[in-house]
Amino acid sequence: MPQPFSIDRSESRVFKSTILDRDFNLFIHLPDDYGEKDSYPILYALDGHVTFQVLTTICGCLAADGFIPKIIIVGISSFDYARMRMKDFTPTPVTNRPESGGAADFLSSLKQELIPFVESNYKADIQNRVLLGHSLSGLFCLYSLFQDVTLFNRYIS
């Protein structure tokens, strides 16, 4: 049987969205020098249950080699991600997918609840935010860019 493991300087937190009326799992990774600076760039990674582990490794290596600054990584994952990602990441309803088309509400939750929660609890540089998504969450990443170009400074889709 596989043994559980942890990622150094990382934690998991439950975040309650009142806008969406449901919980999310946040995976948060802090850089090795966390606390030595006033603030750190922050990467918000959608589909956190898939992306978080690989991002902590890749970003750690890139930062160690001086290619990127040391950053805070926040993986965002719905507890019912198989069903909810279709709802959260699609801007318009999809034929034969009645749960789709909720991107506007998800973006409101990010903007009004999740980002303020994270940035009030961690030393985040609020002028240096990145949003990352792939597949459906990549679609949402582009949607958020066109809805509010000021919310994030960089997008990886």
C-alpha atoms as a PDB file:
ATOM      1  CA  MET A   1       0.000   0.000   0.000  1.00  0.00           C
ATOM      2  CA  PRO A   2       1.385   3.437  -0.926  1.00  0.00           C
ATOM      3  CA  GLN A   3       2.497   5.625   1.949  1.00  0.00           C
ATOM      4  CA  PRO A   4       1.332   9.226   2.226  1.00  0.00           C
ATOM      5  CA  PHE A   5       3.953  11.915   1.790  1.00  0.00           C
ATOM      6  CA  SER A   6       4.211  15.632   2.264  1.00  0.00           C
ATOM      7  CA  ILE A   7       5.845  18.431   0.337  1.00  0.00           C
ATOM      8  CA  ASP A   8       8.170  20.579   2.449  1.00  0.00           C
ATOM      9  CA  ARG A   9       6.809  24.034   3.368  1.00  0.00           C
ATOM     10  CA  SER A  10       3.352  23.105   2.065  1.00  0.00           C
ATOM     11  CA  GLU A  11      -0.041  22.848   3.646  1.00  0.00           C
ATOM     12  CA  SER A  12      -3.617  22.091   2.711  1.00  0.00           C
ATOM     13  CA  ARG A  13      -6.484  24.332   3.781  1.00  0.00           C
ATOM     14  CA  VAL A  14     -10.209  24.181   3.253  1.00  0.00           C
ATOM     15  CA  PHE A  15     -11.668  27.377   1.830  1.00  0.00           C
ATOM     16  CA  LYS A  16     -15.424  28.071   1.950  1.00  0.00           C
ATOM     17  CA  SER A  17     -16.859  30.140  -0.886  1.00  0.00           C
ATOM     18  CA  THR A  18     -20.079  31.848   0.105  1.00  0.00           C
ATOM     19  CA  ILE A  19     -20.634  32.976  -3.493  1.00  0.00           C
ATOM     20  CA  LEU A  20     -20.550  29.377  -4.742  1.00  0.00           C
ATOM     21  CA  ASP A  21     -21.815  27.845  -1.491  1.00  0.00           C
ATOM     22  CA  ARG A  22     -19.175  25.112  -1.396  1.00  0.00           C
ATOM     23  CA  ASP A  23     -15.712  24.254  -0.183  1.00  0.00           C
ATOM     24  CA  PHE A  24     -12.406  24.175  -2.031  1.00  0.00           C
ATOM     25  CA  ASN A  25      -9.135  22.551  -1.104  1.00  0.00           C
ATOM     26  CA  LEU A  26      -6.209  24.958  -1.234  1.00  0.00           C
ATOM     27  CA  PHE A  27      -2.697  23.556  -1.516  1.00  0.00           C
ATOM     28  CA  ILE A  28      -0.241  26.241  -0.420  1.00  0.00           C
ATOM     29  CA  HIS A  29       3.529  26.120  -0.851  1.00  0.00           C
ATOM     30  CA  LEU A  30       5.851  28.715   0.650  1.00  0.00           C
ATOM     31  CA  PRO A  31       9.387  29.407  -0.608  1.00  0.00           C
ATOM     32  CA  ASP A  32      12.336  28.275   1.497  1.00  0.00           C
ATOM     33  CA  ASP A  33      13.163  31.850   2.511  1.00  0.00           C
ATOM     34  CA  TYR A  34       9.563  32.683   3.467  1.00  0.00           C
ATOM     35  CA  GLY A  35       9.576  35.380   6.119  1.00  0.00           C
ATOM     36  CA  GLU A  36      12.844  36.955   5.025  1.00  0.00           C
ATOM     37  CA  LYS A  37      11.071  39.291   2.582  1.00  0.00           C
ATOM     38  CA  ASP A  38       8.009  41.481   2.912  1.00  0.00           C
ATOM     39  CA  SER A  39       6.202  39.789   0.024  1.00  0.00           C
ATOM     40  CA  TYR A  40       6.478  37.151  -2.696  1.00  0.00           C
ATOM     41  CA  PRO A  41       4.983  36.763  -6.167  1.00  0.00           C
ATOM     42  CA  ILE A  42       2.052  34.372  -6.110  1.00  0.00           C
ATOM     43  CA  LEU A  43       0.990  31.691  -8.569  1.00  0.00           C
ATOM     44  CA  TYR A  44      -2.651  30.611  -8.460  1.00  0.00           C
ATOM     45  CA  ALA A  45      -2.878  27.183 -10.093  1.00  0.00           C
ATOM     46  CA  LEU A  46      -6.284  25.855 -11.111  1.00  0.00           C
ATOM     47  CA  ASP A  47      -6.844  22.072 -11.001  1.00  0.00           C
ATOM     48  CA  GLY A  48      -4.560  22.107  -7.977  1.00  0.00           C
ATOM     49  CA  HIS A  49      -5.102  18.407  -7.278  1.00  0.00           C
ATOM     50  CA  VAL A  50      -3.233  17.728 -10.556  1.00  0.00           C
ATOM     51  CA  THR A  51      -0.819  20.660 -10.886  1.00  0.00           C
ATOM     52  CA  PHE A  52       0.403  21.415  -7.359  1.00  0.00           C
ATOM     53  CA  GLN A  53       3.018  18.715  -6.874  1.00  0.00           C
ATOM     54  CA  VAL A  54       4.707  19.228 -10.226  1.00  0.00           C
ATOM     55  CA  LEU A  55       4.599  23.031  -9.894  1.00  0.00           C
ATOM     56  CA  THR A  56       6.365  22.993  -6.523  1.00  0.00           C
ATOM     57  CA  THR A  57       9.164  20.941  -8.080  1.00  0.00           C
ATOM     58  CA  ILE A  58       9.491  22.924 -11.309  1.00  0.00           C
ATOM     59  CA  CYS A  59       9.218  26.353  -9.669  1.00  0.00           C
ATOM     60  CA  GLY A  60      11.651  25.327  -6.944  1.00  0.00           C
ATOM     61  CA  CYS A  61      14.251  24.297  -9.527  1.00  0.00           C
ATOM     62  CA  LEU A  62      13.717  27.425 -11.645  1.00  0.00           C
ATOM     63  CA  ALA A  63      14.030  29.660  -8.578  1.00  0.00           C
ATOM     64  CA  ALA A  64      17.142  27.846  -7.344  1.00  0.00           C
ATOM     65  CA  ASP A  65      18.779  28.439 -10.728  1.00  0.00           C
ATOM     66  CA  GLY A  66      17.742  32.110 -10.731  1.00  0.00           C
ATOM     67  CA  PHE A  67      15.332  31.922 -13.672  1.00  0.00           C
ATOM     68  CA  ILE A  68      12.298  33.014 -11.638  1.00  0.00           C
ATOM     69  CA  PRO A  69      11.914  34.610  -8.203  1.00  0.00           C
ATOM     70  CA  LYS A  70      10.938  32.506  -5.223  1.00  0.00           C
ATOM     71  CA  ILE A  71       7.148  32.360  -5.183  1.00  0.00           C
ATOM     72  CA  ILE A  72       4.112  31.291  -3.219  1.00  0.00           C
ATOM     73  CA  ILE A  73       2.084  28.624  -5.026  1.00  0.00           C
ATOM     74  CA  VAL A  74      -1.633  28.180  -4.369  1.00  0.00           C
ATOM     75  CA  GLY A  75      -3.273  25.122  -5.923  1.00  0.00           C
ATOM     76  CA  ILE A  76      -7.070  25.454  -6.091  1.00  0.00           C
ATOM     77  CA  SER A  77      -9.225  22.351  -6.283  1.00  0.00           C
ATOM     78  CA  SER A  78     -12.906  21.670  -5.874  1.00  0.00           C
ATOM     79  CA  PHE A  79     -13.663  18.610  -3.758  1.00  0.00           C
ATOM     80  CA  ASP A  80     -15.965  17.365  -6.540  1.00  0.00           C
ATOM     81  CA  TYR A  81     -13.576  18.434  -9.280  1.00  0.00           C
ATOM     82  CA  ALA A  82     -14.770  15.981 -11.968  1.00  0.00           C
ATOM     83  CA  ARG A  83     -18.188  17.640 -12.055  1.00  0.00           C
ATOM     84  CA  MET A  84     -17.375  21.128 -10.793  1.00  0.00           C
ATOM     85  CA  ARG A  85     -14.567  21.930 -13.220  1.00  0.00           C
ATOM     86  CA  MET A  86     -17.106  21.806 -16.083  1.00  0.00           C
ATOM     87  CA  LYS A  87     -19.247  24.272 -14.159  1.00  0.00           C
ATOM     88  CA  ASP A  88     -16.481  26.558 -12.905  1.00  0.00           C
ATOM     89  CA  PHE A  89     -14.314  26.791 -16.002  1.00  0.00           C
ATOM     90  CA  THR A  90     -16.835  27.190 -18.842  1.00  0.00           C
ATOM     91  CA  PRO A  91     -18.009  30.733 -19.637  1.00  0.00           C
ATOM     92  CA  THR A  92     -21.159  29.637 -21.462  1.00  0.00           C
ATOM     93  CA  PRO A  93     -23.417  26.587 -21.227  1.00  0.00           C
ATOM     94  CA  VAL A  94     -22.246  23.527 -23.154  1.00  0.00           C
ATOM     95  CA  THR A  95     -24.823  21.418 -25.012  1.00  0.00           C
ATOM     96  CA  ASN A  96     -25.895  18.357 -22.984  1.00  0.00           C
ATOM     97  CA  ARG A  97     -23.914  19.595 -19.934  1.00  0.00           C
ATOM     98  CA  PRO A  98     -26.472  21.314 -17.696  1.00  0.00           C
ATOM     99  CA  GLU A  99     -23.865  21.952 -14.987  1.00  0.00           C
ATOM    100  CA  SER A 100     -21.710  24.084 -17.339  1.00  0.00           C
ATOM    101  CA  GLY A 101     -21.445  27.833 -17.779  1.00  0.00           C
ATOM    102  CA  GLY A 102     -20.505  29.025 -14.279  1.00  0.00           C
ATOM    103  CA  ALA A 103     -17.204  30.790 -15.008  1.00  0.00           C
ATOM    104  CA  ALA A 104     -18.568  34.231 -14.081  1.00  0.00           C
ATOM    105  CA  ASP A 105     -19.494  33.034 -10.583  1.00  0.00           C
ATOM    106  CA  PHE A 106     -16.172  31.241 -10.148  1.00  0.00           C
ATOM    107  CA  LEU A 107     -14.296  34.392 -11.203  1.00  0.00           C
ATOM    108  CA  SER A 108     -16.339  36.424  -8.702  1.00  0.00           C
ATOM    109  CA  SER A 109     -15.436  33.951  -5.973  1.00  0.00           C
ATOM    110  CA  LEU A 110     -11.739  34.158  -6.875  1.00  0.00           C
ATOM    111  CA  LYS A 111     -11.768  37.952  -6.978  1.00  0.00           C
ATOM    112  CA  GLN A 112     -13.954  38.702  -3.964  1.00  0.00           C
ATOM    113  CA  GLU A 113     -13.188  35.795  -1.624  1.00  0.00           C
ATOM    114  CA  LEU A 114     -10.306  33.455  -2.397  1.00  0.00           C
ATOM    115  CA  ILE A 115      -7.611  35.941  -3.434  1.00  0.00           C
ATOM    116  CA  PRO A 116      -8.350  38.290  -0.483  1.00  0.00           C
ATOM    117  CA  PHE A 117      -8.302  35.277   1.881  1.00  0.00           C
ATOM    118  CA  VAL A 118      -4.924  34.070   0.616  1.00  0.00           C
ATOM    119  CA  GLU A 119      -3.371  37.505   0.452  1.00  0.00           C
ATOM    120  CA  SER A 120      -4.482  38.431   3.949  1.00  0.00           C
ATOM    121  CA  ASN A 121      -2.963  35.239   5.388  1.00  0.00           C
ATOM    122  CA  TYR A 122       0.315  35.060   3.443  1.00  0.00           C
ATOM    123  CA  LYS A 123       3.027  37.530   2.422  1.00  0.00           C
ATOM    124  CA  ALA A 124       1.816  37.841  -1.147  1.00  0.00           C
ATOM    125  CA  ASP A 125       2.884  40.567  -3.548  1.00  0.00           C
ATOM    126  CA  ILE A 126      -0.532  41.760  -4.665  1.00  0.00           C
ATOM    127  CA  GLN A 127       1.066  43.479  -7.660  1.00  0.00           C
ATOM    128  CA  ASN A 128       2.570  40.206  -8.903  1.00  0.00           C
ATOM    129  CA  ARG A 129      -0.123  37.547  -9.437  1.00  0.00           C
ATOM    130  CA  VAL A 130      -0.062  34.718 -11.981  1.00  0.00           C
ATOM    131  CA  LEU A 131      -2.989  32.490 -12.997  1.00  0.00           C
ATOM    132  CA  LEU A 132      -2.255  29.053 -14.446  1.00  0.00           C
ATOM    133  CA  GLY A 133      -4.696  26.628 -16.026  1.00  0.00           C
ATOM    134  CA  HIS A 134      -4.704  23.738 -18.483  1.00  0.00           C
ATOM    135  CA  SER A 135      -7.477  22.177 -20.564  1.00  0.00           C
ATOM    136  CA  LEU A 136     -10.801  23.512 -19.198  1.00  0.00           C
ATOM    137  CA  SER A 137      -8.991  25.554 -16.567  1.00  0.00           C
ATOM    138  CA  GLY A 138      -6.867  26.974 -19.411  1.00  0.00           C
ATOM    139  CA  LEU A 139     -10.121  28.124 -20.999  1.00  0.00           C
ATOM    140  CA  PHE A 140     -11.039  29.789 -17.714  1.00  0.00           C
ATOM    141  CA  CYS A 141      -7.589  31.378 -17.558  1.00  0.00           C
ATOM    142  CA  LEU A 142      -8.210  33.090 -20.903  1.00  0.00           C
ATOM    143  CA  TYR A 143     -11.774  33.978 -19.906  1.00  0.00           C
ATOM    144  CA  SER A 144     -10.499  35.712 -16.766  1.00  0.00           C
ATOM    145  CA  LEU A 145      -7.952  37.661 -18.823  1.00  0.00           C
ATOM    146  CA  PHE A 146     -10.699  39.098 -21.025  1.00  0.00           C
ATOM    147  CA  GLN A 147     -13.074  39.763 -18.116  1.00  0.00           C
ATOM    148  CA  ASP A 148     -10.641  41.583 -15.807  1.00  0.00           C
ATOM    149  CA  VAL A 149      -7.196  42.259 -17.203  1.00  0.00           C
ATOM    150  CA  THR A 150      -6.081  43.822 -13.883  1.00  0.00           C
ATOM    151  CA  LEU A 151      -6.717  40.827 -11.610  1.00  0.00           C
ATOM    152  CA  PHE A 152      -3.560  38.933 -12.642  1.00  0.00           C
ATOM    153  CA  ASN A 153      -0.292  40.204 -14.116  1.00  0.00           C
ATOM    154  CA  ARG A 154       0.511  37.013 -16.014  1.00  0.00           C
ATOM    155  CA  TYR A 155      -1.416  34.103 -17.423  1.00  0.00           C
ATOM    156  CA  ILE A 156      -0.246  30.597 -18.246  1.00  0.00           C
ATOM    157  CA  SER A 157      -2.864  28.792 -20.270  1.00  0.00           C
END
